[in-house]
Amino acid sequence: MRPFVIAAIIASLTVPAFAEEDPAKAEQYRAEEQKKKESEEIERAYRNAVKGTSREQPVKKSDPWGSVRQGGASSGSGQ
């Protein structure tokens, strides 16, 4: 298992070197790098947006009929 992991790491490090030789591969490599940067920026913006929302203090529910009612809850006597 260890030799396989080492071979995979070495192969992944040599991909950019081969991409520089062939213009088509170089363009593909640049496109992949651009996609990675864009996805990182999107992820960063999402995390900032989520961080800005706070769930600690729930929104107080409004009671539009609160001023009409007398006292607390009605007893259900039909009055």
N, C-alpha and C. Protein backbone atom coordinates (compact mmCIF):
# COMPACT_ATOMS: atom_id res chain seq x y z
N MET A 1 0.83 -1.19 0.00
CA MET A 1 0.00 0.00 0.00
C MET A 1 0.87 1.25 0.00
N ARG A 2 1.92 1.24 0.78
CA ARG A 2 2.80 2.40 0.87
C ARG A 2 3.45 2.72 -0.49
N PRO A 3 3.97 1.72 -1.23
CA PRO A 3 4.56 2.06 -2.54
C PRO A 3 3.54 2.66 -3.51
N PHE A 4 2.31 2.20 -3.43
CA PHE A 4 1.27 2.75 -4.29
C PHE A 4 1.03 4.23 -3.98
N VAL A 5 0.99 4.57 -2.70
CA VAL A 5 0.76 5.96 -2.29
C VAL A 5 1.94 6.82 -2.73
N ILE A 6 3.14 6.34 -2.57
CA ILE A 6 4.32 7.10 -2.98
C ILE A 6 4.31 7.32 -4.49
N ALA A 7 3.95 6.28 -5.25
CA ALA A 7 3.89 6.41 -6.71
C ALA A 7 2.81 7.42 -7.12
N ALA A 8 1.68 7.42 -6.42
CA ALA A 8 0.62 8.36 -6.74
C ALA A 8 1.05 9.80 -6.47
N ILE A 9 1.77 10.00 -5.38
CA ILE A 9 2.26 11.35 -5.05
C ILE A 9 3.26 11.83 -6.10
N ILE A 10 4.17 10.97 -6.47
CA ILE A 10 5.17 11.35 -7.48
C ILE A 10 4.49 11.65 -8.81
N ALA A 11 3.52 10.83 -9.18
CA ALA A 11 2.81 11.05 -10.44
C ALA A 11 2.06 12.37 -10.43
N SER A 12 1.46 12.70 -9.29
CA SER A 12 0.71 13.95 -9.22
C SER A 12 1.63 15.17 -9.27
N LEU A 13 2.85 15.01 -8.80
CA LEU A 13 3.80 16.12 -8.84
C LEU A 13 4.40 16.32 -10.23
N THR A 14 4.43 15.29 -11.05
CA THR A 14 5.02 15.41 -12.38
C THR A 14 4.02 15.89 -13.42
N VAL A 15 2.74 15.91 -13.13
CA VAL A 15 1.74 16.35 -14.10
C VAL A 15 1.98 17.79 -14.56
N PRO A 16 2.24 18.74 -13.68
CA PRO A 16 2.49 20.10 -14.17
C PRO A 16 3.73 20.20 -15.06
N ALA A 17 4.74 19.38 -14.80
CA ALA A 17 5.95 19.42 -15.62
C ALA A 17 5.65 18.95 -17.03
N PHE A 18 4.87 17.92 -17.18
CA PHE A 18 4.51 17.45 -18.52
C PHE A 18 3.55 18.41 -19.20
N ALA A 19 2.76 19.08 -18.46
CA ALA A 19 1.80 20.01 -19.03
C ALA A 19 2.49 21.21 -19.67
N GLU A 20 3.65 21.58 -19.17
CA GLU A 20 4.37 22.72 -19.73
C GLU A 20 4.93 22.41 -21.11
N GLU A 21 5.20 21.15 -21.41
CA GLU A 21 5.77 20.79 -22.70
C GLU A 21 4.73 20.84 -23.81
N ASP A 22 3.54 20.37 -23.58
CA ASP A 22 2.49 20.30 -24.59
C ASP A 22 1.54 21.49 -24.41
N PRO A 23 1.36 22.33 -25.41
CA PRO A 23 0.48 23.50 -25.26
C PRO A 23 -0.96 23.14 -24.92
N ALA A 24 -1.46 22.04 -25.47
CA ALA A 24 -2.84 21.66 -25.19
C ALA A 24 -3.00 21.26 -23.73
N LYS A 25 -2.02 20.53 -23.23
CA LYS A 25 -2.07 20.13 -21.82
C LYS A 25 -1.85 21.32 -20.91
N ALA A 26 -1.02 22.25 -21.34
CA ALA A 26 -0.78 23.44 -20.53
C ALA A 26 -2.06 24.25 -20.40
N GLU A 27 -2.82 24.36 -21.49
CA GLU A 27 -4.08 25.08 -21.45
C GLU A 27 -5.07 24.36 -20.54
N GLN A 28 -5.10 23.05 -20.61
CA GLN A 28 -5.99 22.27 -19.75
C GLN A 28 -5.59 22.44 -18.30
N TYR A 29 -4.29 22.44 -18.02
CA TYR A 29 -3.81 22.61 -16.66
C TYR A 29 -4.19 23.99 -16.13
N ARG A 30 -4.06 25.02 -16.96
CA ARG A 30 -4.45 26.37 -16.54
C ARG A 30 -5.95 26.44 -16.26
N ALA A 31 -6.73 25.76 -17.10
CA ALA A 31 -8.18 25.76 -16.89
C ALA A 31 -8.53 25.07 -15.58
N GLU A 32 -7.85 23.98 -15.26
CA GLU A 32 -8.09 23.27 -14.00
C GLU A 32 -7.71 24.15 -12.81
N GLU A 33 -6.59 24.83 -12.92
CA GLU A 33 -6.16 25.73 -11.84
C GLU A 33 -7.16 26.86 -11.65
N GLN A 34 -7.69 27.40 -12.76
CA GLN A 34 -8.67 28.47 -12.69
C GLN A 34 -9.94 27.98 -12.02
N LYS A 35 -10.37 26.76 -12.35
CA LYS A 35 -11.57 26.19 -11.72
C LYS A 35 -11.35 26.00 -10.23
N LYS A 36 -10.15 25.56 -9.84
CA LYS A 36 -9.85 25.38 -8.42
C LYS A 36 -9.91 26.72 -7.69
N LYS A 37 -9.35 27.76 -8.29
CA LYS A 37 -9.36 29.08 -7.66
C LYS A 37 -10.79 29.60 -7.53
N GLU A 38 -11.60 29.41 -8.58
CA GLU A 38 -12.98 29.86 -8.53
C GLU A 38 -13.77 29.12 -7.46
N SER A 39 -13.56 27.80 -7.37
CA SER A 39 -14.29 27.03 -6.37
C SER A 39 -13.84 27.43 -4.96
N GLU A 40 -12.56 27.74 -4.78
CA GLU A 40 -12.09 28.20 -3.47
C GLU A 40 -12.71 29.55 -3.12
N GLU A 41 -12.82 30.44 -4.09
CA GLU A 41 -13.43 31.74 -3.85
C GLU A 41 -14.91 31.59 -3.50
N ILE A 42 -15.60 30.70 -4.20
CA ILE A 42 -17.01 30.47 -3.92
C ILE A 42 -17.17 29.88 -2.52
N GLU A 43 -16.30 28.94 -2.18
CA GLU A 43 -16.37 28.33 -0.85
C GLU A 43 -16.10 29.36 0.24
N ARG A 44 -15.13 30.24 0.01
CA ARG A 44 -14.80 31.28 0.98
C ARG A 44 -15.98 32.24 1.15
N ALA A 45 -16.61 32.62 0.04
CA ALA A 45 -17.77 33.51 0.11
C ALA A 45 -18.93 32.84 0.84
N TYR A 46 -19.12 31.55 0.59
CA TYR A 46 -20.20 30.82 1.28
C TYR A 46 -19.94 30.77 2.77
N ARG A 47 -18.72 30.47 3.15
CA ARG A 47 -18.40 30.40 4.58
C ARG A 47 -18.58 31.76 5.25
N ASN A 48 -18.21 32.84 4.58
CA ASN A 48 -18.40 34.18 5.14
C ASN A 48 -19.89 34.49 5.29
N ALA A 49 -20.68 34.07 4.32
CA ALA A 49 -22.12 34.31 4.39
C ALA A 49 -22.75 33.51 5.53
N VAL A 50 -22.32 32.27 5.68
CA VAL A 50 -22.86 31.44 6.75
C VAL A 50 -22.41 31.97 8.10
N LYS A 51 -21.19 32.45 8.18
CA LYS A 51 -20.68 32.99 9.43
C LYS A 51 -21.45 34.24 9.84
N GLY A 52 -21.92 34.99 8.86
CA GLY A 52 -22.66 36.22 9.13
C GLY A 52 -24.04 35.97 9.69
N THR A 53 -24.61 34.81 9.38
CA THR A 53 -25.93 34.50 9.92
C THR A 53 -25.77 33.90 11.30
N SER A 54 -26.53 34.39 12.24
CA SER A 54 -26.42 33.92 13.62
C SER A 54 -27.69 33.20 14.01
N ARG A 55 -27.55 32.01 14.55
CA ARG A 55 -28.71 31.26 15.00
C ARG A 55 -28.84 31.31 16.52
N GLU A 56 -28.01 32.10 17.14
CA GLU A 56 -28.01 32.17 18.60
C GLU A 56 -29.28 32.83 19.13
N GLN A 57 -29.73 33.89 18.50
CA GLN A 57 -30.91 34.61 18.97
C GLN A 57 -32.03 34.43 17.95
N PRO A 58 -33.03 33.62 18.29
CA PRO A 58 -34.12 33.42 17.33
C PRO A 58 -34.95 34.69 17.19
N VAL A 59 -35.58 34.81 16.07
CA VAL A 59 -36.40 35.97 15.79
C VAL A 59 -37.67 35.89 16.63
N LYS A 60 -38.01 36.99 17.29
CA LYS A 60 -39.21 37.02 18.13
C LYS A 60 -40.43 37.05 17.23
N LYS A 61 -41.35 36.12 17.47
CA LYS A 61 -42.55 36.04 16.65
C LYS A 61 -43.49 37.17 17.02
N SER A 62 -44.03 37.81 16.01
CA SER A 62 -44.96 38.91 16.27
C SER A 62 -46.38 38.37 16.36
N ASP A 63 -47.19 39.05 17.12
CA ASP A 63 -48.59 38.69 17.31
C ASP A 63 -49.43 39.85 16.81
N PRO A 64 -49.95 39.76 15.58
CA PRO A 64 -50.69 40.89 15.03
C PRO A 64 -52.00 41.17 15.77
N TRP A 65 -52.58 40.20 16.47
CA TRP A 65 -53.82 40.38 17.22
C TRP A 65 -53.56 40.62 18.70
N GLY A 66 -52.33 40.83 19.08
CA GLY A 66 -52.00 41.02 20.48
C GLY A 66 -52.67 42.22 21.12
N SER A 67 -52.84 43.30 20.37
CA SER A 67 -53.47 44.49 20.94
C SER A 67 -54.98 44.35 21.03
N VAL A 68 -55.57 43.41 20.30
CA VAL A 68 -57.01 43.21 20.30
C VAL A 68 -57.44 42.32 21.46
N ARG A 69 -56.61 41.35 21.76
CA ARG A 69 -56.94 40.41 22.83
C ARG A 69 -56.89 41.10 24.18
N GLN A 70 -57.67 40.58 25.10
CA GLN A 70 -57.63 41.08 26.46
C GLN A 70 -56.97 40.02 27.33
N GLY A 71 -55.93 40.38 28.02
CA GLY A 71 -55.25 39.44 28.90
C GLY A 71 -54.45 38.42 28.12
N GLY A 72 -54.36 37.21 28.67
CA GLY A 72 -53.55 36.16 28.05
C GLY A 72 -54.35 35.35 27.06
N ALA A 73 -54.26 34.04 27.18
CA ALA A 73 -54.94 33.14 26.27
C ALA A 73 -56.42 33.10 26.61
N SER A 74 -57.24 32.89 25.59
CA SER A 74 -58.69 32.82 25.83
C SER A 74 -59.04 31.49 26.48
N SER A 75 -60.14 31.51 27.26
CA SER A 75 -60.55 30.31 27.97
C SER A 75 -61.38 29.39 27.10
N GLY A 76 -61.80 29.83 25.93
CA GLY A 76 -62.57 29.01 25.02
C GLY A 76 -64.05 29.02 25.35
N SER A 77 -64.55 30.00 26.09
CA SER A 77 -65.97 30.04 26.45
C SER A 77 -66.82 30.68 25.36
N GLY A 78 -66.22 31.13 24.29
CA GLY A 78 -66.99 31.69 23.18
C GLY A 78 -67.31 33.16 23.33
N GLN A 79 -66.66 33.89 24.15
CA GLN A 79 -66.96 35.31 24.35
C GLN A 79 -66.17 36.16 23.42
